[in-house]
Amino acid sequence: MKSLECFTRRFLNIILWLLCLIPLPPNTQSRWLFISLVLRLCWISYFVYLLKVAIGFSSMAVESVGNVVGTALFLGNTVMGLFLLLESVLKQRTHSQLEDLRFQSELQLQRLGMFGKRRQAVYLLPLIGVQFTCDLIRFFINNEEMVSPVFIISLPLMWLFRFRYVQLVQHVMDLNQRSLQLRRSLLSLASGNDLWQPYGVHECRQLQTLRSTYERIFECYEMFSDCYGWGMLGLHLLSSFQFVTNAYWTLMGLYYAQDVRGMIFNGATGIDFGTPIATLFWHGDSGSENGRQIGCLISKLVKPQGSKRYNDLVSEFSLQTLHQRFVVTAKDFFSLNLHLLSSMFAAVVTYLVILIQFMFAERSSRPSAG
């Protein structure tokens, strides 16, 4: 299992570097810096080519609503790819600060006796596998009958988005592992706590270490949201729009039962975009749940027979967990949690049901009009 984890991390590091989703190397590494700049120029040339294609399709987009939506999605995805490339350069300093905070929090956890990293391959590899399978299905369908004229040329862009999601999930899982280790350390301290015994010097020091570790992990969550927030916001909006439109086109295919291949193509595309959204929100909610459980455990550390200094420290820690929550946000527009995801899914289902009812009503009114 360790070899699989090691392979997964190295594989993702290489892919993320080739996709230019990590910051530029320092100036001291001149050779790698030059190669990274050349890669970014290649990606910029690719995006310029996609923009030209999108402009060429814009003249034909007025023929139908589907063409307008497809062209708008294609153009929006291209602009989003350029933005992600720019974000990896502009957020270089923030990324360095995030890495420093992660290193500090890891040292704090080691002081508490917490070592090791969570298994990530069991989550990341299936996510990549699902997306690869959906692309294979779409490739064979599009090869037999052209459903999307830009499917092949936009594949590198789509994988850029997918590995950005994988990168985000990987970071959130790493932060969640730190919060989980902190919760276990706090649980160990609370389980051995005797309410009617005065506190020991060791308990007081351990509590102070827990507080400082909690603060470092909270700063990691904050810095992560600052480093990737705008990209998460744009990706979420585009992916949600892509999911809704492909779900609608899939239902249209079921309704008319004429283009089965197009229906499968659009269904695979919806799964392709919906899966990473759900995975990221699920892991974001796990971090928030760890923070809530940490806040509940602190009350078990109170010692009625302890000194005022110790109990005040417990109270301050409790207030700290109330004001400093482990939440991943997209620039404070929304936080990643299952409640928001379920609300979005309910809204999408509601809108699709309304559209279906409208189609049925329109179709039933046609014979009477004749």
Protein backbone atom coordinates (compact mmCIF):
# COMPACT_ATOMS: atom_id res chain seq x y z
CA MET A 1 0.00 0.00 0.00
CA LYS A 2 2.88 2.38 0.75
CA SER A 3 4.29 1.80 -2.73
CA LEU A 4 0.89 2.63 -4.24
CA GLU A 5 0.70 5.84 -2.20
CA CYS A 6 4.23 6.78 -3.27
CA PHE A 7 3.44 6.06 -6.91
CA THR A 8 0.23 8.12 -6.74
CA ARG A 9 2.00 11.14 -5.23
CA ARG A 10 4.83 11.05 -7.75
CA PHE A 11 2.44 10.50 -10.65
CA LEU A 12 0.32 13.49 -9.61
CA ASN A 13 3.37 15.68 -9.08
CA ILE A 14 4.58 14.96 -12.62
CA ILE A 15 1.13 15.48 -14.18
CA LEU A 16 0.48 18.70 -12.26
CA TRP A 17 3.88 20.01 -13.32
CA LEU A 18 3.21 19.20 -16.98
CA LEU A 19 -0.21 20.87 -16.74
CA CYS A 20 1.42 23.95 -15.15
CA LEU A 21 -0.89 23.76 -12.13
CA ILE A 22 1.93 24.27 -9.63
CA PRO A 23 3.96 27.47 -9.10
CA LEU A 24 7.15 28.20 -10.96
CA PRO A 25 10.37 26.85 -9.46
CA PRO A 26 12.74 29.34 -7.78
CA ASN A 27 15.26 31.34 -9.78
CA THR A 28 18.09 29.20 -8.45
CA GLN A 29 16.75 26.26 -10.48
CA SER A 30 17.29 27.99 -13.82
CA ARG A 31 16.94 24.87 -15.98
CA TRP A 32 13.60 23.80 -14.48
CA LEU A 33 12.42 27.41 -14.53
CA PHE A 34 13.15 27.63 -18.26
CA ILE A 35 11.32 24.35 -18.97
CA SER A 36 8.33 25.52 -16.92
CA LEU A 37 8.18 28.78 -18.86
CA VAL A 38 8.32 26.89 -22.18
CA LEU A 39 5.46 24.64 -21.03
CA ARG A 40 3.37 27.67 -20.10
CA LEU A 41 4.02 29.22 -23.52
CA CYS A 42 2.83 25.98 -25.15
CA TRP A 43 -0.36 26.06 -23.07
CA ILE A 44 -0.94 29.72 -23.93
CA SER A 45 -0.58 28.90 -27.64
CA TYR A 46 -3.09 26.10 -27.21
CA PHE A 47 -5.57 28.42 -25.48
CA VAL A 48 -5.18 31.02 -28.23
CA TYR A 49 -5.98 28.32 -30.79
CA LEU A 50 -9.11 27.34 -28.83
CA LEU A 51 -10.20 30.98 -28.70
CA LYS A 52 -9.89 31.21 -32.48
CA VAL A 53 -12.00 28.07 -32.85
CA ALA A 54 -14.61 29.49 -30.46
CA ILE A 55 -14.78 32.74 -32.44
CA GLY A 56 -15.21 30.71 -35.62
CA PHE A 57 -18.13 28.81 -34.09
CA SER A 58 -19.78 31.99 -32.81
CA SER A 59 -21.11 32.82 -36.29
CA MET A 60 -22.97 29.48 -36.42
CA ALA A 61 -24.11 29.57 -32.79
CA VAL A 62 -27.21 31.63 -33.56
CA GLU A 63 -28.78 28.70 -35.42
CA SER A 64 -30.11 27.09 -32.22
CA VAL A 65 -30.13 27.49 -28.46
CA GLY A 66 -28.03 24.33 -28.10
CA ASN A 67 -25.30 25.83 -30.30
CA VAL A 68 -25.33 29.04 -28.29
CA VAL A 69 -24.97 27.15 -25.00
CA GLY A 70 -22.27 24.84 -26.38
CA THR A 71 -20.24 27.75 -27.78
CA ALA A 72 -20.59 29.70 -24.54
CA LEU A 73 -19.37 26.69 -22.54
CA PHE A 74 -16.45 26.14 -24.89
CA LEU A 75 -15.44 29.80 -24.69
CA GLY A 76 -15.88 29.90 -20.91
CA ASN A 77 -13.77 26.77 -20.45
CA THR A 78 -10.99 28.28 -22.56
CA VAL A 79 -10.95 31.51 -20.57
CA MET A 80 -11.02 29.47 -17.35
CA GLY A 81 -7.97 27.51 -18.49
CA LEU A 82 -6.08 30.75 -19.08
CA PHE A 83 -7.11 31.96 -15.64
CA LEU A 84 -5.85 28.78 -13.93
CA LEU A 85 -2.53 29.17 -15.71
CA LEU A 86 -2.32 32.77 -14.52
CA GLU A 87 -3.36 31.82 -10.98
CA SER A 88 -0.47 29.37 -10.65
CA VAL A 89 1.93 32.26 -11.26
CA LEU A 90 0.23 35.07 -9.34
CA LYS A 91 -0.42 32.95 -6.24
CA GLN A 92 3.18 31.74 -5.98
CA ARG A 93 3.85 33.64 -2.76
CA THR A 94 0.60 32.47 -1.18
CA HIS A 95 1.43 28.89 -2.15
CA SER A 96 4.82 29.20 -0.42
CA GLN A 97 3.10 30.49 2.73
CA LEU A 98 0.69 27.55 2.59
CA GLU A 99 3.58 25.09 2.37
CA ASP A 100 5.28 26.77 5.35
CA LEU A 101 2.10 26.52 7.43
CA ARG A 102 1.64 22.87 6.49
CA PHE A 103 5.21 22.15 7.57
CA GLN A 104 4.68 23.98 10.89
CA SER A 105 1.43 22.13 11.58
CA GLU A 106 3.13 18.82 10.81
CA LEU A 107 5.88 19.61 13.34
CA GLN A 108 3.24 20.51 15.93
CA LEU A 109 1.44 17.21 15.35
CA GLN A 110 4.70 15.32 15.72
CA ARG A 111 5.15 16.97 19.10
CA LEU A 112 1.79 15.47 20.01
CA GLY A 113 2.96 12.04 18.86
CA MET A 114 0.97 12.00 15.63
CA PHE A 115 2.81 10.66 12.59
CA GLY A 116 1.91 9.30 9.18
CA LYS A 117 -0.29 10.41 6.31
CA ARG A 118 -3.73 9.36 5.24
CA ARG A 119 -4.16 7.01 2.34
CA GLN A 120 -5.08 9.11 -0.67
CA ALA A 121 -4.71 6.64 -3.53
CA VAL A 122 -7.97 4.84 -2.63
CA TYR A 123 -9.84 8.10 -3.26
CA LEU A 124 -7.85 9.78 -6.02
CA LEU A 125 -7.22 6.83 -8.35
CA PRO A 126 -10.94 5.83 -8.60
CA LEU A 127 -11.80 9.48 -9.27
CA ILE A 128 -9.30 9.60 -12.13
CA GLY A 129 -10.49 6.19 -13.33
CA VAL A 130 -14.14 7.28 -13.53
CA GLN A 131 -13.21 10.34 -15.57
CA PHE A 132 -10.95 8.33 -17.87
CA THR A 133 -13.72 5.76 -18.43
CA CYS A 134 -16.23 8.48 -19.27
CA ASP A 135 -13.78 9.97 -21.77
CA LEU A 136 -13.27 6.58 -23.42
CA ILE A 137 -17.03 6.19 -23.83
CA ARG A 138 -17.34 9.67 -25.26
CA PHE A 139 -14.36 9.13 -27.57
CA PHE A 140 -15.80 5.97 -29.13
CA ILE A 141 -19.24 7.54 -29.53
CA ASN A 142 -17.85 10.72 -31.04
CA ASN A 143 -15.62 8.67 -33.35
CA GLU A 144 -18.60 6.77 -34.78
CA GLU A 145 -20.94 9.75 -34.96
CA MET A 146 -19.78 13.31 -34.35
CA VAL A 147 -21.74 14.55 -31.35
CA SER A 148 -19.36 17.34 -30.40
CA PRO A 149 -17.09 18.91 -33.06
CA VAL A 150 -14.70 20.24 -30.38
CA PHE A 151 -14.44 17.12 -28.23
CA ILE A 152 -10.98 16.01 -29.41
CA ILE A 153 -9.32 19.42 -29.42
CA SER A 154 -10.72 20.27 -25.97
CA LEU A 155 -9.55 17.05 -24.27
CA PRO A 156 -6.29 18.58 -22.92
CA LEU A 157 -8.31 21.46 -21.48
CA MET A 158 -10.78 19.06 -19.85
CA TRP A 159 -7.97 17.08 -18.23
CA LEU A 160 -6.47 20.33 -17.00
CA PHE A 161 -9.74 20.98 -15.15
CA ARG A 162 -9.96 17.42 -13.84
CA PHE A 163 -6.47 17.36 -12.44
CA ARG A 164 -7.10 20.73 -10.85
CA TYR A 165 -10.00 19.07 -9.05
CA VAL A 166 -7.74 16.14 -8.13
CA GLN A 167 -5.17 18.62 -6.83
CA LEU A 168 -7.81 20.39 -4.73
CA VAL A 169 -9.12 17.10 -3.34
CA GLN A 170 -5.57 16.02 -2.50
CA HIS A 171 -4.90 19.25 -0.57
CA VAL A 172 -8.21 19.10 1.29
CA MET A 173 -7.61 15.45 2.23
CA ASP A 174 -4.19 16.39 3.59
CA LEU A 175 -5.68 19.18 5.72
CA ASN A 176 -8.44 16.86 6.91
CA GLN A 177 -5.85 14.32 7.98
CA ARG A 178 -4.19 16.97 10.15
CA SER A 179 -7.49 17.95 11.74
CA LEU A 180 -8.28 14.26 12.30
CA GLN A 181 -4.92 13.69 14.01
CA LEU A 182 -5.57 16.71 16.22
CA ARG A 183 -9.00 15.34 17.13
CA ARG A 184 -7.51 11.98 18.07
CA SER A 185 -4.86 13.63 20.22
CA LEU A 186 -7.53 15.71 21.95
CA LEU A 187 -9.68 12.61 22.42
CA SER A 188 -6.73 10.81 24.03
CA LEU A 189 -6.25 13.71 26.45
CA ALA A 190 -9.97 13.90 27.24
CA SER A 191 -10.35 10.15 27.81
CA GLY A 192 -7.61 10.20 30.45
CA ASN A 193 -8.94 13.31 32.13
CA ASP A 194 -10.05 12.98 35.75
CA LEU A 195 -12.46 15.82 36.52
CA TRP A 196 -11.79 15.81 40.26
CA GLN A 197 -8.01 15.76 40.10
CA PRO A 198 -5.97 18.96 39.85
CA TYR A 199 -4.26 19.52 36.55
CA GLY A 200 -0.66 18.55 35.93
CA VAL A 201 2.04 20.62 34.28
CA HIS A 202 2.20 18.08 31.45
CA GLU A 203 -1.55 18.44 30.76
CA CYS A 204 -1.29 22.22 30.67
CA ARG A 205 1.60 22.12 28.21
CA GLN A 206 -0.16 19.58 26.04
CA LEU A 207 -3.28 21.74 26.00
CA GLN A 208 -1.22 24.75 24.90
CA THR A 209 0.34 22.64 22.15
CA LEU A 210 -3.13 21.55 21.03
CA ARG A 211 -4.24 25.17 20.87
CA SER A 212 -1.26 26.28 18.80
CA THR A 213 -1.66 23.24 16.52
CA TYR A 214 -5.34 24.04 16.01
CA GLU A 215 -4.41 27.60 15.08
CA ARG A 216 -1.81 26.43 12.54
CA ILE A 217 -4.28 24.03 10.92
CA PHE A 218 -6.89 26.79 10.79
CA GLU A 219 -4.35 29.06 9.09
CA CYS A 220 -3.71 26.26 6.58
CA TYR A 221 -7.42 26.15 5.71
CA GLU A 222 -7.52 29.93 5.39
CA MET A 223 -4.39 30.07 3.23
CA PHE A 224 -5.65 27.22 1.05
CA SER A 225 -8.91 29.10 0.41
CA ASP A 226 -6.91 32.23 -0.41
CA CYS A 227 -4.53 30.36 -2.73
CA TYR A 228 -7.14 28.42 -4.74
CA GLY A 229 -10.36 30.31 -3.97
CA TRP A 230 -10.89 32.16 -7.25
CA GLY A 231 -10.04 29.07 -9.27
CA MET A 232 -12.47 26.98 -7.21
CA LEU A 233 -15.20 29.55 -7.75
CA GLY A 234 -14.75 29.65 -11.52
CA LEU A 235 -14.40 25.87 -11.82
CA HIS A 236 -17.50 25.29 -9.73
CA LEU A 237 -19.63 27.69 -11.77
CA LEU A 238 -18.48 26.26 -15.10
CA SER A 239 -18.70 22.63 -14.00
CA SER A 240 -22.16 23.15 -12.53
CA PHE A 241 -23.37 24.81 -15.71
CA GLN A 242 -21.86 21.99 -17.77
CA PHE A 243 -23.51 19.38 -15.55
CA VAL A 244 -26.94 21.03 -15.76
CA THR A 245 -26.84 21.47 -19.53
CA ASN A 246 -25.69 17.90 -20.16
CA ALA A 247 -28.32 16.54 -17.76
CA TYR A 248 -30.93 18.51 -19.71
CA TRP A 249 -29.67 17.22 -23.07
CA THR A 250 -29.66 13.66 -21.68
CA LEU A 251 -33.29 14.01 -20.61
CA MET A 252 -34.11 15.45 -24.02
CA GLY A 253 -32.57 12.34 -25.59
CA LEU A 254 -34.69 10.13 -23.34
CA TYR A 255 -37.77 12.15 -24.15
CA TYR A 256 -37.46 12.00 -27.93
CA ALA A 257 -35.72 8.56 -27.95
CA GLN A 258 -34.06 9.32 -31.28
CA ASP A 259 -30.35 9.96 -30.62
CA VAL A 260 -29.24 7.23 -28.21
CA ARG A 261 -25.55 7.89 -28.80
CA GLY A 262 -25.96 11.58 -28.07
CA MET A 263 -27.87 10.74 -24.90
CA ILE A 264 -25.05 8.45 -23.68
CA PHE A 265 -22.44 11.04 -24.67
CA ASN A 266 -24.17 13.78 -22.69
CA GLY A 267 -24.81 11.46 -19.75
CA ALA A 268 -21.11 10.51 -19.58
CA THR A 269 -20.20 14.21 -19.76
CA GLY A 270 -22.54 14.99 -16.86
CA ILE A 271 -20.94 12.24 -14.76
CA ASP A 272 -17.52 13.49 -15.80
CA PHE A 273 -18.21 16.96 -14.41
CA GLY A 274 -20.46 16.00 -11.50
CA THR A 275 -18.14 13.43 -9.89
CA PRO A 276 -15.26 15.80 -8.98
CA ILE A 277 -17.69 18.40 -7.64
CA ALA A 278 -19.33 15.88 -5.30
CA THR A 279 -15.94 14.47 -4.22
CA LEU A 280 -14.52 17.90 -3.38
CA PHE A 281 -17.61 18.93 -1.42
CA TRP A 282 -17.66 15.63 0.47
CA HIS A 283 -14.06 16.02 1.64
CA GLY A 284 -14.66 19.70 2.44
CA ASP A 285 -17.55 18.67 4.68
CA SER A 286 -15.33 16.06 6.41
CA GLY A 287 -12.94 18.81 7.52
CA SER A 288 -15.79 20.88 8.92
CA GLU A 289 -17.09 17.83 10.81
CA ASN A 290 -13.64 17.27 12.37
CA GLY A 291 -13.65 20.88 13.56
CA ARG A 292 -17.12 20.50 15.11
CA GLN A 293 -16.11 17.33 16.94
CA ILE A 294 -12.98 19.03 18.28
CA GLY A 295 -15.16 21.79 19.71
CA CYS A 296 -17.38 19.21 21.43
CA LEU A 297 -14.39 17.40 22.97
CA ILE A 298 -12.95 20.49 24.63
CA SER A 299 -15.74 20.59 27.23
CA LYS A 300 -14.46 17.26 28.55
CA LEU A 301 -11.16 18.87 29.55
CA VAL A 302 -12.65 21.08 32.26
CA LYS A 303 -11.38 20.37 35.80
CA PRO A 304 -13.56 21.77 38.62
CA GLN A 305 -10.66 21.20 41.01
CA GLY A 306 -8.11 22.64 38.62
CA SER A 307 -6.58 26.09 38.78
CA LYS A 308 -8.16 29.15 37.20
CA ARG A 309 -5.31 29.33 34.70
CA TYR A 310 -6.00 25.84 33.35
CA ASN A 311 -9.78 26.32 33.09
CA ASP A 312 -9.32 29.69 31.44
CA LEU A 313 -7.07 28.02 28.90
CA VAL A 314 -9.82 25.46 28.21
CA SER A 315 -12.37 28.27 27.80
CA GLU A 316 -10.11 30.16 25.41
CA PHE A 317 -9.60 27.00 23.39
CA SER A 318 -13.36 26.49 23.22
CA LEU A 319 -13.89 30.07 21.99
CA GLN A 320 -11.12 29.56 19.48
CA THR A 321 -12.92 26.60 17.92
CA LEU A 322 -16.12 28.66 17.68
CA HIS A 323 -14.49 31.54 15.79
CA GLN A 324 -11.84 29.64 13.84
CA ARG A 325 -13.62 26.88 11.94
CA PHE A 326 -12.04 24.39 9.56
CA VAL A 327 -13.91 25.51 6.46
CA VAL A 328 -12.82 25.58 2.82
CA THR A 329 -14.39 28.53 1.02
CA ALA A 330 -14.33 29.89 -2.52
CA LYS A 331 -13.39 33.46 -1.61
CA ASP A 332 -16.25 33.50 0.95
CA PHE A 333 -18.87 33.12 -1.78
CA PHE A 334 -19.69 29.64 -0.49
CA SER A 335 -18.14 26.90 1.63
CA LEU A 336 -17.62 23.30 0.57
CA ASN A 337 -20.12 21.19 2.50
CA LEU A 338 -22.73 18.53 1.83
CA HIS A 339 -25.61 20.81 2.83
CA LEU A 340 -24.82 23.20 -0.01
CA LEU A 341 -24.28 20.30 -2.41
CA SER A 342 -27.67 18.77 -1.56
CA SER A 343 -29.35 22.18 -1.95
CA MET A 344 -27.77 22.63 -5.36
CA PHE A 345 -28.81 19.15 -6.44
CA ALA A 346 -32.39 19.78 -5.29
CA ALA A 347 -32.46 23.07 -7.23
CA VAL A 348 -31.14 21.37 -10.38
CA VAL A 349 -33.73 18.60 -10.13
CA THR A 350 -36.49 21.17 -9.63
CA TYR A 351 -35.48 23.17 -12.70
CA LEU A 352 -35.18 20.03 -14.82
CA VAL A 353 -38.63 18.85 -13.74
CA ILE A 354 -40.07 22.25 -14.69
CA LEU A 355 -38.40 22.04 -18.11
CA ILE A 356 -39.71 18.52 -18.65
CA GLN A 357 -43.24 19.58 -17.73
CA PHE A 358 -42.91 22.51 -20.13
CA MET A 359 -41.81 20.15 -22.94
CA PHE A 360 -44.74 17.80 -22.29
CA ALA A 361 -47.17 20.71 -22.27
CA GLU A 362 -45.72 22.09 -25.50
CA ARG A 363 -45.83 18.71 -27.22
CA SER A 364 -49.42 18.00 -26.15
CA SER A 365 -50.60 21.39 -27.40
CA ARG A 366 -49.28 20.89 -30.93
CA PRO A 367 -52.04 18.52 -32.25
CA SER A 368 -54.79 20.72 -30.96
CA ALA A 369 -53.22 23.73 -32.64
CA GLY A 370 -53.28 21.89 -35.98
